[in-house]
Amino acid sequence: ADRAVQELQSKLQQLEACLASTQSRRDELQQQLDQAVELYTVVQGHADTLGAEKARLEEQLAEKTQAQDSSHARVASLEGEMEGLKAELGEVRAQLSQAEAQAASHAEGLAKAQADLEAACAGREAAQQEAAAAKAGAEAAAAAVEETAGLKSQLAQAMQEFTDLEFSWNEERAALEVQAQQLRGELAAAQAAAAAAADAAGV
């Protein structure tokens, strides 16, 4: 009977030791669980912060993309205006060439009329008629010469305006290209930052 009591006491002590070990393990697991919950809270807060940063970077990316599209549209508009001015300049040059041809034709007519006038001096009436024709031709030639001078002046003014506009357009285009280059750099930086934020959020 004493032996049985001793065995029971020994088993009881073993059970108590096992219970104490289990309680210690439970306390340790509870502490680890509390630490895990705290770490999760910190990680979740960091993830929320990264999400907000990602949204901000995406908004900046959209704004910079819109600004770059606006710059491209302005360059295209200036190129269209330049083509229109080139077409107008071509028309003025064509008109000048036509006026010069008319002036040459009138000059030839004037020379012929003068020759006819000298040849017709023998007949007064015929000479007067040819003189009137020669005078008309001379007036037409003078008008053509005056018109040619006016067209040359218009061409010179148009070419000067074209030169001034081309210079201004080149300066503005250079400035827009610099701005576009800066926007490309900022866009690349924003994309890199957004990608980094997305990677960090994924982690």
C-alpha atoms as a PDB file:
ATOM      1  CA  ALA A   1       0.000   0.000   0.000  1.00  0.00           C
ATOM      2  CA  ASP A   2       2.854   2.408   0.801  1.00  0.00           C
ATOM      3  CA  ARG A   3       4.455   1.608  -2.525  1.00  0.00           C
ATOM      4  CA  ALA A   4       1.243   2.369  -4.371  1.00  0.00           C
ATOM      5  CA  VAL A   5       0.907   5.647  -2.500  1.00  0.00           C
ATOM      6  CA  GLN A   6       4.470   6.590  -3.373  1.00  0.00           C
ATOM      7  CA  GLU A   7       3.862   5.804  -7.050  1.00  0.00           C
ATOM      8  CA  LEU A   8       0.719   7.915  -7.036  1.00  0.00           C
ATOM      9  CA  GLN A   9       2.562  10.755  -5.345  1.00  0.00           C
ATOM     10  CA  SER A  10       5.356  10.463  -7.930  1.00  0.00           C
ATOM     11  CA  LYS A  11       2.844  10.572 -10.799  1.00  0.00           C
ATOM     12  CA  LEU A  12       1.102  13.522  -9.162  1.00  0.00           C
ATOM     13  CA  GLN A  13       4.390  15.392  -8.940  1.00  0.00           C
ATOM     14  CA  GLN A  14       5.085  14.601 -12.615  1.00  0.00           C
ATOM     15  CA  LEU A  15       1.632  15.858 -13.587  1.00  0.00           C
ATOM     16  CA  GLU A  16       2.107  19.034 -11.574  1.00  0.00           C
ATOM     17  CA  ALA A  17       5.511  19.593 -13.216  1.00  0.00           C
ATOM     18  CA  CYS A  18       3.952  18.986 -16.651  1.00  0.00           C
ATOM     19  CA  LEU A  19       1.111  21.374 -15.811  1.00  0.00           C
ATOM     20  CA  ALA A  20       3.603  24.038 -14.700  1.00  0.00           C
ATOM     21  CA  SER A  21       5.582  23.543 -17.935  1.00  0.00           C
ATOM     22  CA  THR A  22       2.379  23.788 -19.975  1.00  0.00           C
ATOM     23  CA  GLN A  23       1.358  26.989 -18.186  1.00  0.00           C
ATOM     24  CA  SER A  24       4.814  28.449 -18.813  1.00  0.00           C
ATOM     25  CA  ARG A  25       4.567  27.506 -22.490  1.00  0.00           C
ATOM     26  CA  ARG A  26       1.081  29.046 -22.647  1.00  0.00           C
ATOM     27  CA  ASP A  27       2.363  32.285 -21.143  1.00  0.00           C
ATOM     28  CA  GLU A  28       5.217  32.317 -23.652  1.00  0.00           C
ATOM     29  CA  LEU A  29       2.834  31.717 -26.568  1.00  0.00           C
ATOM     30  CA  GLN A  30       0.509  34.451 -25.294  1.00  0.00           C
ATOM     31  CA  GLN A  31       3.444  36.868 -25.193  1.00  0.00           C
ATOM     32  CA  GLN A  32       4.432  35.893 -28.744  1.00  0.00           C
ATOM     33  CA  LEU A  33       0.820  36.361 -29.863  1.00  0.00           C
ATOM     34  CA  ASP A  34       0.704  39.831 -28.293  1.00  0.00           C
ATOM     35  CA  GLN A  35       3.960  40.733 -30.053  1.00  0.00           C
ATOM     36  CA  ALA A  36       2.600  39.403 -33.358  1.00  0.00           C
ATOM     37  CA  VAL A  37      -0.576  41.496 -32.982  1.00  0.00           C
ATOM     38  CA  GLU A  38       1.504  44.582 -32.215  1.00  0.00           C
ATOM     39  CA  LEU A  39       3.759  43.907 -35.214  1.00  0.00           C
ATOM     40  CA  TYR A  40       0.700  43.406 -37.443  1.00  0.00           C
ATOM     41  CA  THR A  41      -0.706  46.736 -36.280  1.00  0.00           C
ATOM     42  CA  VAL A  42       2.578  48.488 -37.110  1.00  0.00           C
ATOM     43  CA  VAL A  43       2.819  46.768 -40.510  1.00  0.00           C
ATOM     44  CA  GLN A  44      -0.800  47.630 -41.318  1.00  0.00           C
ATOM     45  CA  GLY A  45      -0.192  51.283 -40.445  1.00  0.00           C
ATOM     46  CA  HIS A  46       2.903  51.303 -42.649  1.00  0.00           C
ATOM     47  CA  ALA A  47       0.914  49.690 -45.472  1.00  0.00           C
ATOM     48  CA  ASP A  48      -1.781  52.381 -45.160  1.00  0.00           C
ATOM     49  CA  THR A  49       0.904  55.078 -45.304  1.00  0.00           C
ATOM     50  CA  LEU A  50       2.454  53.478 -48.384  1.00  0.00           C
ATOM     51  CA  GLY A  51      -0.977  53.228 -50.001  1.00  0.00           C
ATOM     52  CA  ALA A  52      -1.604  56.943 -49.456  1.00  0.00           C
ATOM     53  CA  GLU A  53       1.863  57.764 -50.828  1.00  0.00           C
ATOM     54  CA  LYS A  54       1.191  55.566 -53.851  1.00  0.00           C
ATOM     55  CA  ALA A  55      -2.107  57.388 -54.526  1.00  0.00           C
ATOM     56  CA  ARG A  56      -0.343  60.761 -54.246  1.00  0.00           C
ATOM     57  CA  LEU A  57       2.408  59.687 -56.634  1.00  0.00           C
ATOM     58  CA  GLU A  58      -0.145  58.346 -59.112  1.00  0.00           C
ATOM     59  CA  GLU A  59      -1.969  61.694 -58.993  1.00  0.00           C
ATOM     60  CA  GLN A  60       1.308  63.555 -59.646  1.00  0.00           C
ATOM     61  CA  LEU A  61       2.047  61.152 -62.487  1.00  0.00           C
ATOM     62  CA  ALA A  62      -1.343  61.897 -64.086  1.00  0.00           C
ATOM     63  CA  GLU A  63      -0.805  65.672 -63.752  1.00  0.00           C
ATOM     64  CA  LYS A  64       2.665  65.544 -65.306  1.00  0.00           C
ATOM     65  CA  THR A  65       1.396  63.325 -68.135  1.00  0.00           C
ATOM     66  CA  GLN A  66      -1.372  65.853 -68.844  1.00  0.00           C
ATOM     67  CA  ALA A  67       1.151  68.739 -68.838  1.00  0.00           C
ATOM     68  CA  GLN A  68       3.380  66.863 -71.277  1.00  0.00           C
ATOM     69  CA  ASP A  69       0.409  66.193 -73.612  1.00  0.00           C
ATOM     70  CA  SER A  70      -0.444  69.926 -73.504  1.00  0.00           C
ATOM     71  CA  SER A  71       3.148  70.824 -74.502  1.00  0.00           C
ATOM     72  CA  HIS A  72       3.018  68.405 -77.442  1.00  0.00           C
ATOM     73  CA  ALA A  73      -0.303  69.926 -78.577  1.00  0.00           C
ATOM     74  CA  ARG A  74       1.197  73.455 -78.457  1.00  0.00           C
ATOM     75  CA  VAL A  75       4.198  72.364 -80.563  1.00  0.00           C
ATOM     76  CA  ALA A  76       1.854  70.750 -83.111  1.00  0.00           C
ATOM     77  CA  SER A  77      -0.230  73.955 -83.277  1.00  0.00           C
ATOM     78  CA  LEU A  78       2.873  76.088 -83.898  1.00  0.00           C
ATOM     79  CA  GLU A  79       4.011  73.719 -86.627  1.00  0.00           C
ATOM     80  CA  GLY A  80       0.585  74.060 -88.291  1.00  0.00           C
ATOM     81  CA  GLU A  81       0.807  77.860 -88.171  1.00  0.00           C
ATOM     82  CA  MET A  82       4.298  77.694 -89.682  1.00  0.00           C
ATOM     83  CA  GLU A  83       3.053  75.554 -92.572  1.00  0.00           C
ATOM     84  CA  GLY A  84       0.234  78.058 -93.202  1.00  0.00           C
ATOM     85  CA  LEU A  85       2.701  80.960 -93.347  1.00  0.00           C
ATOM     86  CA  LYS A  86       4.914  79.022 -95.738  1.00  0.00           C
ATOM     87  CA  ALA A  87       1.903  78.472 -98.015  1.00  0.00           C
ATOM     88  CA  GLU A  88       1.046  82.202 -97.912  1.00  0.00           C
ATOM     89  CA  LEU A  89       4.660  83.081 -98.724  1.00  0.00           C
ATOM     90  CA  GLY A  90       4.538  80.733-101.704  1.00  0.00           C
ATOM     91  CA  GLU A  91       1.376  82.461-102.967  1.00  0.00           C
ATOM     92  CA  VAL A  92       2.986  85.911-102.639  1.00  0.00           C
ATOM     93  CA  ARG A  93       6.044  84.712-104.563  1.00  0.00           C
ATOM     94  CA  ALA A  94       3.799  83.302-107.302  1.00  0.00           C
ATOM     95  CA  GLN A  95       1.937  86.625-107.543  1.00  0.00           C
ATOM     96  CA  LEU A  96       5.255  88.475-107.720  1.00  0.00           C
ATOM     97  CA  SER A  97       6.481  86.234-110.541  1.00  0.00           C
ATOM     98  CA  GLN A  98       3.231  86.802-112.432  1.00  0.00           C
ATOM     99  CA  ALA A  99       3.466  90.573-111.932  1.00  0.00           C
ATOM    100  CA  GLU A 100       7.079  90.578-113.144  1.00  0.00           C
ATOM    101  CA  ALA A 101       6.046  88.637-116.254  1.00  0.00           C
ATOM    102  CA  GLN A 102       3.232  91.124-116.898  1.00  0.00           C
ATOM    103  CA  ALA A 103       5.637  94.029-116.418  1.00  0.00           C
ATOM    104  CA  ALA A 104       8.056  92.493-118.911  1.00  0.00           C
ATOM    105  CA  SER A 105       5.221  91.980-121.382  1.00  0.00           C
ATOM    106  CA  HIS A 106       4.061  95.573-120.943  1.00  0.00           C
ATOM    107  CA  ALA A 107       7.627  96.802-121.362  1.00  0.00           C
ATOM    108  CA  GLU A 108       7.899  94.889-124.631  1.00  0.00           C
ATOM    109  CA  GLY A 109       4.584  96.400-125.715  1.00  0.00           C
ATOM    110  CA  LEU A 110       5.844  99.859-124.811  1.00  0.00           C
ATOM    111  CA  ALA A 111       9.000  99.385-126.857  1.00  0.00           C
ATOM    112  CA  LYS A 112       6.989  98.163-129.816  1.00  0.00           C
ATOM    113  CA  ALA A 113       4.550 101.076-129.457  1.00  0.00           C
ATOM    114  CA  GLN A 114       7.386 103.558-129.379  1.00  0.00           C
ATOM    115  CA  ALA A 115       8.882 102.002-132.504  1.00  0.00           C
ATOM    116  CA  ASP A 116       5.522 102.114-134.225  1.00  0.00           C
ATOM    117  CA  LEU A 117       5.127 105.760-133.175  1.00  0.00           C
ATOM    118  CA  GLU A 118       8.445 106.700-134.765  1.00  0.00           C
ATOM    119  CA  ALA A 119       7.552 104.804-137.927  1.00  0.00           C
ATOM    120  CA  ALA A 120       4.099 106.426-138.133  1.00  0.00           C
ATOM    121  CA  CYS A 121       5.267 110.035-137.750  1.00  0.00           C
ATOM    122  CA  ALA A 122       4.631 110.520-141.494  1.00  0.00           C
ATOM    123  CA  GLY A 123       0.876 110.315-140.960  1.00  0.00           C
ATOM    124  CA  ARG A 124      -0.386 112.763-138.343  1.00  0.00           C
ATOM    125  CA  GLU A 125      -3.716 111.124-137.684  1.00  0.00           C
ATOM    126  CA  ALA A 126      -2.285 107.637-137.598  1.00  0.00           C
ATOM    127  CA  ALA A 127       0.591 108.922-135.500  1.00  0.00           C
ATOM    128  CA  GLN A 128      -1.849 110.461-133.009  1.00  0.00           C
ATOM    129  CA  GLN A 129      -3.773 107.189-132.742  1.00  0.00           C
ATOM    130  CA  GLU A 130      -0.602 105.187-132.233  1.00  0.00           C
ATOM    131  CA  ALA A 131       0.624 107.828-129.780  1.00  0.00           C
ATOM    132  CA  ALA A 132      -2.561 107.337-127.771  1.00  0.00           C
ATOM    133  CA  ALA A 133      -2.016 103.579-127.864  1.00  0.00           C
ATOM    134  CA  ALA A 134       1.602 104.059-126.870  1.00  0.00           C
ATOM    135  CA  LYS A 135       0.545 106.317-124.012  1.00  0.00           C
ATOM    136  CA  ALA A 136      -1.929 103.697-122.804  1.00  0.00           C
ATOM    137  CA  GLY A 137       0.765 101.050-123.024  1.00  0.00           C
ATOM    138  CA  ALA A 138       3.175 103.298-121.151  1.00  0.00           C
ATOM    139  CA  GLU A 139       0.607 103.928-118.434  1.00  0.00           C
ATOM    140  CA  ALA A 140      -0.097 100.209-118.197  1.00  0.00           C
ATOM    141  CA  ALA A 141       3.623  99.499-118.023  1.00  0.00           C
ATOM    142  CA  ALA A 142       4.103 102.162-115.350  1.00  0.00           C
ATOM    143  CA  ALA A 143       1.180 100.718-113.392  1.00  0.00           C
ATOM    144  CA  ALA A 144       2.677  97.248-113.764  1.00  0.00           C
ATOM    145  CA  VAL A 145       6.053  98.518-112.576  1.00  0.00           C
ATOM    146  CA  GLU A 146       4.393 100.243-109.616  1.00  0.00           C
ATOM    147  CA  GLU A 147       2.413  97.075-108.839  1.00  0.00           C
ATOM    148  CA  THR A 148       5.620  95.049-109.058  1.00  0.00           C
ATOM    149  CA  ALA A 149       7.319  97.420-106.623  1.00  0.00           C
ATOM    150  CA  GLY A 150       4.350  97.122-104.257  1.00  0.00           C
ATOM    151  CA  LEU A 151       4.411  93.335-104.473  1.00  0.00           C
ATOM    152  CA  LYS A 152       8.159  93.329-103.846  1.00  0.00           C
ATOM    153  CA  SER A 153       7.582  95.481-100.772  1.00  0.00           C
ATOM    154  CA  GLN A 154       4.819  93.125 -99.608  1.00  0.00           C
ATOM    155  CA  LEU A 155       7.094  90.143-100.212  1.00  0.00           C
ATOM    156  CA  ALA A 156       9.909  91.761 -98.232  1.00  0.00           C
ATOM    157  CA  GLN A 157       7.508  92.540 -95.383  1.00  0.00           C
ATOM    158  CA  ALA A 158       6.059  89.013 -95.498  1.00  0.00           C
ATOM    159  CA  MET A 159       9.546  87.490 -95.496  1.00  0.00           C
ATOM    160  CA  GLN A 160      10.531  89.687 -92.531  1.00  0.00           C
ATOM    161  CA  GLU A 161       7.363  88.665 -90.645  1.00  0.00           C
ATOM    162  CA  PHE A 162       8.054  85.046 -91.552  1.00  0.00           C
ATOM    163  CA  THR A 163      11.643  85.379 -90.293  1.00  0.00           C
ATOM    164  CA  ASP A 164      10.493  87.036 -87.050  1.00  0.00           C
ATOM    165  CA  LEU A 165       7.804  84.405 -86.509  1.00  0.00           C
ATOM    166  CA  GLU A 166      10.216  81.574 -87.287  1.00  0.00           C
ATOM    167  CA  PHE A 167      12.726  82.997 -84.776  1.00  0.00           C
ATOM    168  CA  SER A 168       9.997  83.393 -82.138  1.00  0.00           C
ATOM    169  CA  TRP A 169       8.674  79.933 -82.915  1.00  0.00           C
ATOM    170  CA  ASN A 170      12.140  78.397 -82.617  1.00  0.00           C
ATOM    171  CA  GLU A 171      12.636  80.070 -79.226  1.00  0.00           C
ATOM    172  CA  GLU A 172       9.234  78.938 -77.985  1.00  0.00           C
ATOM    173  CA  ARG A 173       9.755  75.446 -79.342  1.00  0.00           C
ATOM    174  CA  ALA A 174      13.152  75.226 -77.648  1.00  0.00           C
ATOM    175  CA  ALA A 175      11.576  76.364 -74.369  1.00  0.00           C
ATOM    176  CA  LEU A 176       8.781  73.823 -74.774  1.00  0.00           C
ATOM    177  CA  GLU A 177      11.295  71.070 -75.526  1.00  0.00           C
ATOM    178  CA  VAL A 178      13.215  71.977 -72.365  1.00  0.00           C
ATOM    179  CA  GLN A 179       9.963  71.932 -70.396  1.00  0.00           C
ATOM    180  CA  ALA A 180       8.992  68.615 -71.990  1.00  0.00           C
ATOM    181  CA  GLN A 181      12.412  67.180 -71.088  1.00  0.00           C
ATOM    182  CA  GLN A 182      11.964  68.324 -67.487  1.00  0.00           C
ATOM    183  CA  LEU A 183       8.494  66.813 -67.412  1.00  0.00           C
ATOM    184  CA  ARG A 184       9.890  63.548 -68.773  1.00  0.00           C
ATOM    185  CA  GLY A 185      12.463  63.518 -65.959  1.00  0.00           C
ATOM    186  CA  GLU A 186       9.806  64.254 -63.348  1.00  0.00           C
ATOM    187  CA  LEU A 187       7.526  61.644 -64.912  1.00  0.00           C
ATOM    188  CA  ALA A 188      10.266  59.016 -64.779  1.00  0.00           C
ATOM    189  CA  ALA A 189      11.004  59.912 -61.138  1.00  0.00           C
ATOM    190  CA  ALA A 190       7.298  59.730 -60.274  1.00  0.00           C
ATOM    191  CA  GLN A 191       6.981  56.345 -62.007  1.00  0.00           C
ATOM    192  CA  ALA A 192      10.028  55.045 -60.158  1.00  0.00           C
ATOM    193  CA  ALA A 193       8.658  56.318 -56.838  1.00  0.00           C
ATOM    194  CA  ALA A 194       5.241  54.774 -57.593  1.00  0.00           C
ATOM    195  CA  ALA A 195       6.880  51.457 -58.493  1.00  0.00           C
ATOM    196  CA  ALA A 196       8.972  51.551 -55.297  1.00  0.00           C
ATOM    197  CA  ALA A 197       5.880  52.344 -53.241  1.00  0.00           C
ATOM    198  CA  ALA A 198       3.988  49.500 -54.927  1.00  0.00           C
ATOM    199  CA  ASP A 199       6.862  47.089 -54.223  1.00  0.00           C
ATOM    200  CA  ALA A 200       7.026  48.217 -50.588  1.00  0.00           C
ATOM    201  CA  ALA A 201       3.246  47.816 -50.240  1.00  0.00           C
ATOM    202  CA  GLY A 202       3.467  44.342 -51.765  1.00  0.00           C
ATOM    203  CA  VAL A 203       6.148  43.378 -49.242  1.00  0.00           C
END
